[in-house]
Amino acid sequence: MVLVEIVLASFVAALLFLGVVFAWALLLKRVDLIDSFWGPTFIVVALATAFQASSMSLAGWLVLGLVTLWGSRLFSHIFRRFLGSNSQD
């Protein structure tokens, strides 16, 4: 797959993911919810890119795992702060 197609598909995946989160935030009337989902957006982009690869090396799997760990840690840190607050950030 051409690099431009991979980047475009990853961008669309991130846009769709954040669109769903934004709709959820609007329903909750707490748009600061979207701050919590920046980390998982990196995971979505990494997964979208990995799924488009014809094959992945060990280094590719390692990067995917590390991005997933980092994105999950960032999500849990910011989401816990979100849950502890009753007002918009």
PDB file of N, CA and C in Angstrom:
ATOM      1  N   MET A   1       0.843  -1.176   0.000  1.00  0.00           N
ATOM      2  CA  MET A   1       0.000   0.000   0.000  1.00  0.00           C
ATOM      3  C   MET A   1       0.890   1.242   0.000  1.00  0.00           C
ATOM      4  N   VAL A   2       0.475   2.249  -0.697  1.00  0.00           N
ATOM      5  CA  VAL A   2       1.239   3.491  -0.777  1.00  0.00           C
ATOM      6  C   VAL A   2       1.151   4.227   0.555  1.00  0.00           C
ATOM      7  N   LEU A   3       2.226   4.886   0.918  1.00  0.00           N
ATOM      8  CA  LEU A   3       2.303   5.585   2.196  1.00  0.00           C
ATOM      9  C   LEU A   3       1.159   6.577   2.382  1.00  0.00           C
ATOM     10  N   VAL A   4       0.801   7.301   1.326  1.00  0.00           N
ATOM     11  CA  VAL A   4      -0.284   8.282   1.428  1.00  0.00           C
ATOM     12  C   VAL A   4      -1.597   7.589   1.794  1.00  0.00           C
ATOM     13  N   GLU A   5      -1.857   6.428   1.224  1.00  0.00           N
ATOM     14  CA  GLU A   5      -3.077   5.681   1.537  1.00  0.00           C
ATOM     15  C   GLU A   5      -3.081   5.205   2.989  1.00  0.00           C
ATOM     16  N   ILE A   6      -1.925   4.783   3.481  1.00  0.00           N
ATOM     17  CA  ILE A   6      -1.822   4.322   4.864  1.00  0.00           C
ATOM     18  C   ILE A   6      -2.075   5.476   5.819  1.00  0.00           C
ATOM     19  N   VAL A   7      -1.453   6.610   5.555  1.00  0.00           N
ATOM     20  CA  VAL A   7      -1.638   7.784   6.408  1.00  0.00           C
ATOM     21  C   VAL A   7      -3.090   8.250   6.363  1.00  0.00           C
ATOM     22  N   LEU A   8      -3.686   8.275   5.191  1.00  0.00           N
ATOM     23  CA  LEU A   8      -5.079   8.702   5.055  1.00  0.00           C
ATOM     24  C   LEU A   8      -6.020   7.756   5.805  1.00  0.00           C
ATOM     25  N   ALA A   9      -5.809   6.458   5.677  1.00  0.00           N
ATOM     26  CA  ALA A   9      -6.657   5.494   6.370  1.00  0.00           C
ATOM     27  C   ALA A   9      -6.500   5.621   7.891  1.00  0.00           C
ATOM     28  N   SER A  10      -5.289   5.852   8.366  1.00  0.00           N
ATOM     29  CA  SER A  10      -5.058   6.035   9.799  1.00  0.00           C
ATOM     30  C   SER A  10      -5.708   7.323  10.287  1.00  0.00           C
ATOM     31  N   PHE A  11      -5.653   8.367   9.479  1.00  0.00           N
ATOM     32  CA  PHE A  11      -6.303   9.640   9.808  1.00  0.00           C
ATOM     33  C   PHE A  11      -7.819   9.461   9.908  1.00  0.00           C
ATOM     34  N   VAL A  12      -8.391   8.746   8.965  1.00  0.00           N
ATOM     35  CA  VAL A  12      -9.836   8.495   8.981  1.00  0.00           C
ATOM     36  C   VAL A  12     -10.224   7.680  10.211  1.00  0.00           C
ATOM     37  N   ALA A  13      -9.416   6.686  10.556  1.00  0.00           N
ATOM     38  CA  ALA A  13      -9.694   5.879  11.755  1.00  0.00           C
ATOM     39  C   ALA A  13      -9.683   6.756  13.004  1.00  0.00           C
ATOM     40  N   ALA A  14      -8.685   7.630  13.115  1.00  0.00           N
ATOM     41  CA  ALA A  14      -8.603   8.538  14.268  1.00  0.00           C
ATOM     42  C   ALA A  14      -9.779   9.508  14.280  1.00  0.00           C
ATOM     43  N   LEU A  15     -10.145  10.011  13.125  1.00  0.00           N
ATOM     44  CA  LEU A  15     -11.261  10.953  13.019  1.00  0.00           C
ATOM     45  C   LEU A  15     -12.577  10.289  13.426  1.00  0.00           C
ATOM     46  N   LEU A  16     -12.800   9.077  12.972  1.00  0.00           N
ATOM     47  CA  LEU A  16     -14.014   8.352  13.353  1.00  0.00           C
ATOM     48  C   LEU A  16     -14.043   8.060  14.853  1.00  0.00           C
ATOM     49  N   PHE A  17     -12.916   7.624  15.388  1.00  0.00           N
ATOM     50  CA  PHE A  17     -12.822   7.331  16.815  1.00  0.00           C
ATOM     51  C   PHE A  17     -13.115   8.583  17.640  1.00  0.00           C
ATOM     52  N   LEU A  18     -12.453   9.684  17.318  1.00  0.00           N
ATOM     53  CA  LEU A  18     -12.669  10.914  18.075  1.00  0.00           C
ATOM     54  C   LEU A  18     -14.058  11.492  17.837  1.00  0.00           C
ATOM     55  N   GLY A  19     -14.640  11.238  16.675  1.00  0.00           N
ATOM     56  CA  GLY A  19     -16.014  11.674  16.412  1.00  0.00           C
ATOM     57  C   GLY A  19     -17.005  10.980  17.331  1.00  0.00           C
ATOM     58  N   VAL A  20     -16.810   9.688  17.533  1.00  0.00           N
ATOM     59  CA  VAL A  20     -17.672   8.934  18.452  1.00  0.00           C
ATOM     60  C   VAL A  20     -17.488   9.432  19.881  1.00  0.00           C
ATOM     61  N   VAL A  21     -16.243   9.650  20.278  1.00  0.00           N
ATOM     62  CA  VAL A  21     -15.975  10.153  21.631  1.00  0.00           C
ATOM     63  C   VAL A  21     -16.585  11.545  21.810  1.00  0.00           C
ATOM     64  N   PHE A  22     -16.473  12.390  20.803  1.00  0.00           N
ATOM     65  CA  PHE A  22     -17.030  13.738  20.895  1.00  0.00           C
ATOM     66  C   PHE A  22     -18.553  13.690  21.013  1.00  0.00           C
ATOM     67  N   ALA A  23     -19.194  12.801  20.258  1.00  0.00           N
ATOM     68  CA  ALA A  23     -20.657  12.654  20.361  1.00  0.00           C
ATOM     69  C   ALA A  23     -21.042  12.202  21.766  1.00  0.00           C
ATOM     70  N   TRP A  24     -20.279  11.270  22.335  1.00  0.00           N
ATOM     71  CA  TRP A  24     -20.515  10.807  23.698  1.00  0.00           C
ATOM     72  C   TRP A  24     -20.338  11.970  24.687  1.00  0.00           C
ATOM     73  N   ALA A  25     -19.301  12.774  24.478  1.00  0.00           N
ATOM     74  CA  ALA A  25     -19.044  13.923  25.347  1.00  0.00           C
ATOM     75  C   ALA A  25     -20.182  14.935  25.279  1.00  0.00           C
ATOM     76  N   LEU A  26     -20.730  15.140  24.097  1.00  0.00           N
ATOM     77  CA  LEU A  26     -21.861  16.062  23.958  1.00  0.00           C
ATOM     78  C   LEU A  26     -23.088  15.532  24.688  1.00  0.00           C
ATOM     79  N   LEU A  27     -23.300  14.217  24.620  1.00  0.00           N
ATOM     80  CA  LEU A  27     -24.424  13.625  25.345  1.00  0.00           C
ATOM     81  C   LEU A  27     -24.280  13.809  26.853  1.00  0.00           C
ATOM     82  N   LEU A  28     -23.048  13.698  27.330  1.00  0.00           N
ATOM     83  CA  LEU A  28     -22.787  13.869  28.755  1.00  0.00           C
ATOM     84  C   LEU A  28     -22.719  15.340  29.173  1.00  0.00           C
ATOM     85  N   LYS A  29     -22.657  16.223  28.163  1.00  0.00           N
ATOM     86  CA  LYS A  29     -22.462  17.661  28.399  1.00  0.00           C
ATOM     87  C   LYS A  29     -21.153  17.921  29.151  1.00  0.00           C
ATOM     88  N   ARG A  30     -20.144  17.129  28.809  1.00  0.00           N
ATOM     89  CA  ARG A  30     -18.805  17.265  29.387  1.00  0.00           C
ATOM     90  C   ARG A  30     -17.787  17.066  28.266  1.00  0.00           C
ATOM     91  N   VAL A  31     -17.543  18.123  27.487  1.00  0.00           N
ATOM     92  CA  VAL A  31     -16.634  17.978  26.356  1.00  0.00           C
ATOM     93  C   VAL A  31     -15.187  17.761  26.786  1.00  0.00           C
ATOM     94  N   ASP A  32     -14.879  17.955  28.068  1.00  0.00           N
ATOM     95  CA  ASP A  32     -13.530  17.662  28.531  1.00  0.00           C
ATOM     96  C   ASP A  32     -13.240  16.156  28.552  1.00  0.00           C
ATOM     97  N   LEU A  33     -14.260  15.353  28.319  1.00  0.00           N
ATOM     98  CA  LEU A  33     -14.062  13.902  28.207  1.00  0.00           C
ATOM     99  C   LEU A  33     -13.077  13.574  27.092  1.00  0.00           C
ATOM    100  N   ILE A  34     -13.099  14.354  26.042  1.00  0.00           N
ATOM    101  CA  ILE A  34     -12.250  14.058  24.884  1.00  0.00           C
ATOM    102  C   ILE A  34     -10.766  14.115  25.235  1.00  0.00           C
ATOM    103  N   ASP A  35     -10.398  14.881  26.266  1.00  0.00           N
ATOM    104  CA  ASP A  35      -9.000  14.937  26.694  1.00  0.00           C
ATOM    105  C   ASP A  35      -8.486  13.553  27.082  1.00  0.00           C
ATOM    106  N   SER A  36      -9.350  12.756  27.673  1.00  0.00           N
ATOM    107  CA  SER A  36      -8.958  11.418  28.125  1.00  0.00           C
ATOM    108  C   SER A  36      -8.625  10.486  26.966  1.00  0.00           C
ATOM    109  N   PHE A  37      -9.134  10.782  25.797  1.00  0.00           N
ATOM    110  CA  PHE A  37      -9.019   9.846  24.683  1.00  0.00           C
ATOM    111  C   PHE A  37      -7.913  10.192  23.686  1.00  0.00           C
ATOM    112  N   TRP A  38      -7.020  11.115  24.051  1.00  0.00           N
ATOM    113  CA  TRP A  38      -5.879  11.368  23.172  1.00  0.00           C
ATOM    114  C   TRP A  38      -4.955  10.159  23.144  1.00  0.00           C
ATOM    115  N   GLY A  39      -4.699   9.551  24.294  1.00  0.00           N
ATOM    116  CA  GLY A  39      -3.843   8.361  24.342  1.00  0.00           C
ATOM    117  C   GLY A  39      -4.382   7.212  23.510  1.00  0.00           C
ATOM    118  N   PRO A  40      -5.670   6.847  23.698  1.00  0.00           N
ATOM    119  CA  PRO A  40      -6.223   5.779  22.873  1.00  0.00           C
ATOM    120  C   PRO A  40      -6.255   6.106  21.367  1.00  0.00           C
ATOM    121  N   THR A  41      -6.258   7.382  21.030  1.00  0.00           N
ATOM    122  CA  THR A  41      -6.224   7.746  19.609  1.00  0.00           C
ATOM    123  C   THR A  41      -4.904   7.300  18.984  1.00  0.00           C
ATOM    124  N   PHE A  42      -3.810   7.412  19.730  1.00  0.00           N
ATOM    125  CA  PHE A  42      -2.534   6.906  19.225  1.00  0.00           C
ATOM    126  C   PHE A  42      -2.591   5.397  19.020  1.00  0.00           C
ATOM    127  N   ILE A  43      -3.293   4.707  19.900  1.00  0.00           N
ATOM    128  CA  ILE A  43      -3.455   3.260  19.759  1.00  0.00           C
ATOM    129  C   ILE A  43      -4.255   2.948  18.496  1.00  0.00           C
ATOM    130  N   VAL A  44      -5.325   3.701  18.261  1.00  0.00           N
ATOM    131  CA  VAL A  44      -6.150   3.502  17.063  1.00  0.00           C
ATOM    132  C   VAL A  44      -5.311   3.711  15.801  1.00  0.00           C
ATOM    133  N   VAL A  45      -4.503   4.761  15.790  1.00  0.00           N
ATOM    134  CA  VAL A  45      -3.652   5.029  14.621  1.00  0.00           C
ATOM    135  C   VAL A  45      -2.627   3.903  14.443  1.00  0.00           C
ATOM    136  N   ALA A  46      -2.018   3.463  15.533  1.00  0.00           N
ATOM    137  CA  ALA A  46      -1.027   2.374  15.444  1.00  0.00           C
ATOM    138  C   ALA A  46      -1.675   1.086  14.941  1.00  0.00           C
ATOM    139  N   LEU A  47      -2.875   0.769  15.449  1.00  0.00           N
ATOM    140  CA  LEU A  47      -3.571  -0.442  14.999  1.00  0.00           C
ATOM    141  C   LEU A  47      -4.000  -0.335  13.540  1.00  0.00           C
ATOM    142  N   ALA A  48      -4.509   0.836  13.152  1.00  0.00           N
ATOM    143  CA  ALA A  48      -4.927   1.027  11.757  1.00  0.00           C
ATOM    144  C   ALA A  48      -3.737   0.864  10.820  1.00  0.00           C
ATOM    145  N   THR A  49      -2.597   1.369  11.234  1.00  0.00           N
ATOM    146  CA  THR A  49      -1.392   1.234  10.417  1.00  0.00           C
ATOM    147  C   THR A  49      -0.929  -0.220  10.374  1.00  0.00           C
ATOM    148  N   ALA A  50      -0.973  -0.899  11.523  1.00  0.00           N
ATOM    149  CA  ALA A  50      -0.533  -2.298  11.581  1.00  0.00           C
ATOM    150  C   ALA A  50      -1.420  -3.200  10.734  1.00  0.00           C
ATOM    151  N   PHE A  51      -2.722  -2.951  10.745  1.00  0.00           N
ATOM    152  CA  PHE A  51      -3.637  -3.785   9.968  1.00  0.00           C
ATOM    153  C   PHE A  51      -3.418  -3.631   8.468  1.00  0.00           C
ATOM    154  N   GLN A  52      -2.843  -2.505   8.068  1.00  0.00           N
ATOM    155  CA  GLN A  52      -2.599  -2.278   6.640  1.00  0.00           C
ATOM    156  C   GLN A  52      -1.276  -2.860   6.168  1.00  0.00           C
ATOM    157  N   ALA A  53      -0.430  -3.237   7.113  1.00  0.00           N
ATOM    158  CA  ALA A  53       0.876  -3.790   6.758  1.00  0.00           C
ATOM    159  C   ALA A  53       0.709  -5.217   6.249  1.00  0.00           C
ATOM    160  N   SER A  54       1.454  -5.549   5.215  1.00  0.00           N
ATOM    161  CA  SER A  54       1.380  -6.915   4.692  1.00  0.00           C
ATOM    162  C   SER A  54       2.030  -7.896   5.664  1.00  0.00           C
ATOM    163  N   SER A  55       3.051  -7.438   6.355  1.00  0.00           N
ATOM    164  CA  SER A  55       3.677  -8.232   7.413  1.00  0.00           C
ATOM    165  C   SER A  55       4.365  -7.262   8.369  1.00  0.00           C
ATOM    166  N   MET A  56       4.516  -7.701   9.619  1.00  0.00           N
ATOM    167  CA  MET A  56       5.179  -6.849  10.602  1.00  0.00           C
ATOM    168  C   MET A  56       6.373  -7.569  11.185  1.00  0.00           C
ATOM    169  N   SER A  57       7.435  -6.818  11.356  1.00  0.00           N
ATOM    170  CA  SER A  57       8.640  -7.376  11.976  1.00  0.00           C
ATOM    171  C   SER A  57       8.475  -7.377  13.486  1.00  0.00           C
ATOM    172  N   LEU A  58       9.436  -7.959  14.152  1.00  0.00           N
ATOM    173  CA  LEU A  58       9.436  -7.952  15.609  1.00  0.00           C
ATOM    174  C   LEU A  58       9.464  -6.514  16.134  1.00  0.00           C
ATOM    175  N   ALA A  59      10.236  -5.661  15.472  1.00  0.00           N
ATOM    176  CA  ALA A  59      10.308  -4.251  15.880  1.00  0.00           C
ATOM    177  C   ALA A  59       8.943  -3.575  15.731  1.00  0.00           C
ATOM    178  N   GLY A  60       8.229  -3.912  14.675  1.00  0.00           N
ATOM    179  CA  GLY A  60       6.890  -3.352  14.479  1.00  0.00           C
ATOM    180  C   GLY A  60       5.937  -3.757  15.586  1.00  0.00           C
ATOM    181  N   TRP A  61       5.985  -5.035  15.958  1.00  0.00           N
ATOM    182  CA  TRP A  61       5.140  -5.513  17.060  1.00  0.00           C
ATOM    183  C   TRP A  61       5.535  -4.855  18.379  1.00  0.00           C
ATOM    184  N   LEU A  62       6.830  -4.658  18.574  1.00  0.00           N
ATOM    185  CA  LEU A  62       7.311  -4.003  19.788  1.00  0.00           C
ATOM    186  C   LEU A  62       6.808  -2.566  19.869  1.00  0.00           C
ATOM    187  N   VAL A  63       6.899  -1.835  18.763  1.00  0.00           N
ATOM    188  CA  VAL A  63       6.409  -0.452  18.734  1.00  0.00           C
ATOM    189  C   VAL A  63       4.904  -0.426  18.986  1.00  0.00           C
ATOM    190  N   LEU A  64       4.169  -1.327  18.363  1.00  0.00           N
ATOM    191  CA  LEU A  64       2.724  -1.397  18.583  1.00  0.00           C
ATOM    192  C   LEU A  64       2.407  -1.656  20.053  1.00  0.00           C
ATOM    193  N   GLY A  65       3.131  -2.569  20.672  1.00  0.00           N
ATOM    194  CA  GLY A  65       2.929  -2.861  22.088  1.00  0.00           C
ATOM    195  C   GLY A  65       3.261  -1.677  22.975  1.00  0.00           C
ATOM    196  N   LEU A  66       4.364  -0.993  22.679  1.00  0.00           N
ATOM    197  CA  LEU A  66       4.754   0.159  23.491  1.00  0.00           C
ATOM    198  C   LEU A  66       3.785   1.323  23.334  1.00  0.00           C
ATOM    199  N   VAL A  67       3.313   1.561  22.124  1.00  0.00           N
ATOM    200  CA  VAL A  67       2.307   2.612  21.908  1.00  0.00           C
ATOM    201  C   VAL A  67       1.031   2.269  22.665  1.00  0.00           C
ATOM    202  N   THR A  68       0.657   1.002  22.652  1.00  0.00           N
ATOM    203  CA  THR A  68      -0.544   0.568  23.378  1.00  0.00           C
ATOM    204  C   THR A  68      -0.372   0.766  24.882  1.00  0.00           C
ATOM    205  N   LEU A  69       0.781   0.407  25.410  1.00  0.00           N
ATOM    206  CA  LEU A  69       1.038   0.615  26.839  1.00  0.00           C
ATOM    207  C   LEU A  69       1.010   2.101  27.196  1.00  0.00           C
ATOM    208  N   TRP A  70       1.691   2.908  26.405  1.00  0.00           N
ATOM    209  CA  TRP A  70       1.756   4.336  26.676  1.00  0.00           C
ATOM    210  C   TRP A  70       0.379   4.987  26.551  1.00  0.00           C
ATOM    211  N   GLY A  71      -0.364   4.659  25.492  1.00  0.00           N
ATOM    212  CA  GLY A  71      -1.693   5.229  25.296  1.00  0.00           C
ATOM    213  C   GLY A  71      -2.654   4.822  26.400  1.00  0.00           C
ATOM    214  N   SER A  72      -2.539   3.578  26.859  1.00  0.00           N
ATOM    215  CA  SER A  72      -3.387   3.104  27.954  1.00  0.00           C
ATOM    216  C   SER A  72      -3.052   3.816  29.261  1.00  0.00           C
ATOM    217  N   ARG A  73      -1.766   4.022  29.507  1.00  0.00           N
ATOM    218  CA  ARG A  73      -1.352   4.730  30.717  1.00  0.00           C
ATOM    219  C   ARG A  73      -1.850   6.173  30.694  1.00  0.00           C
ATOM    220  N   LEU A  74      -1.701   6.836  29.554  1.00  0.00           N
ATOM    221  CA  LEU A  74      -2.165   8.214  29.428  1.00  0.00           C
ATOM    222  C   LEU A  74      -3.673   8.295  29.618  1.00  0.00           C
ATOM    223  N   PHE A  75      -4.414   7.355  29.010  1.00  0.00           N
ATOM    224  CA  PHE A  75      -5.860   7.325  29.169  1.00  0.00           C
ATOM    225  C   PHE A  75      -6.248   7.159  30.630  1.00  0.00           C
ATOM    226  N   SER A  76      -5.644   6.191  31.307  1.00  0.00           N
ATOM    227  CA  SER A  76      -6.048   5.929  32.694  1.00  0.00           C
ATOM    228  C   SER A  76      -5.735   7.121  33.591  1.00  0.00           C
ATOM    229  N   HIS A  77      -4.619   7.779  33.368  1.00  0.00           N
ATOM    230  CA  HIS A  77      -4.244   8.939  34.182  1.00  0.00           C
ATOM    231  C   HIS A  77      -5.244  10.087  34.005  1.00  0.00           C
ATOM    232  N   ILE A  78      -5.540  10.436  32.768  1.00  0.00           N
ATOM    233  CA  ILE A  78      -6.427  11.580  32.516  1.00  0.00           C
ATOM    234  C   ILE A  78      -7.880  11.219  32.799  1.00  0.00           C
ATOM    235  N   PHE A  79      -8.286   9.976  32.511  1.00  0.00           N
ATOM    236  CA  PHE A  79      -9.675   9.581  32.742  1.00  0.00           C
ATOM    237  C   PHE A  79      -9.997   9.537  34.234  1.00  0.00           C
ATOM    238  N   ARG A  80      -9.050   9.099  35.051  1.00  0.00           N
ATOM    239  CA  ARG A  80      -9.271   9.129  36.509  1.00  0.00           C
ATOM    240  C   ARG A  80      -9.463  10.561  36.997  1.00  0.00           C
ATOM    241  N   ARG A  81      -8.712  11.487  36.446  1.00  0.00           N
ATOM    242  CA  ARG A  81      -8.884  12.894  36.799  1.00  0.00           C
ATOM    243  C   ARG A  81     -10.259  13.391  36.354  1.00  0.00           C
ATOM    244  N   PHE A  82     -10.701  12.957  35.172  1.00  0.00           N
ATOM    245  CA  PHE A  82     -12.019  13.326  34.668  1.00  0.00           C
ATOM    246  C   PHE A  82     -13.114  12.803  35.591  1.00  0.00           C
ATOM    247  N   LEU A  83     -12.995  11.544  36.005  1.00  0.00           N
ATOM    248  CA  LEU A  83     -14.011  10.942  36.877  1.00  0.00           C
ATOM    249  C   LEU A  83     -14.077  11.624  38.249  1.00  0.00           C
ATOM    250  N   GLY A  84     -12.954  12.148  38.697  1.00  0.00           N
ATOM    251  CA  GLY A  84     -12.912  12.804  39.999  1.00  0.00           C
ATOM    252  C   GLY A  84     -13.418  14.225  39.999  1.00  0.00           C
ATOM    253  N   SER A  85     -13.783  14.731  38.836  1.00  0.00           N
ATOM    254  CA  SER A  85     -14.218  16.126  38.725  1.00  0.00           C
ATOM    255  C   SER A  85     -15.691  16.185  38.338  1.00  0.00           C
ATOM    256  N   ASN A  86     -16.384  17.149  38.876  1.00  0.00           N
ATOM    257  CA  ASN A  86     -17.801  17.345  38.534  1.00  0.00           C
ATOM    258  C   ASN A  86     -18.008  18.514  37.579  1.00  0.00           C
ATOM    259  N   SER A  87     -16.941  19.203  37.214  1.00  0.00           N
ATOM    260  CA  SER A  87     -17.077  20.362  36.346  1.00  0.00           C
ATOM    261  C   SER A  87     -16.141  20.233  35.144  1.00  0.00           C
ATOM    262  N   GLN A  88     -16.384  21.067  34.145  1.00  0.00           N
ATOM    263  CA  GLN A  88     -15.536  21.075  32.950  1.00  0.00           C
ATOM    264  C   GLN A  88     -14.123  21.478  33.319  1.00  0.00           C
ATOM    265  N   ASP A  89     -13.169  20.897  32.649  1.00  0.00           N
ATOM    266  CA  ASP A  89     -11.776  21.237  32.869  1.00  0.00           C
ATOM    267  C   ASP A  89     -11.478  22.535  32.147  1.00  0.00           C
TER     268      ASP A  89
END
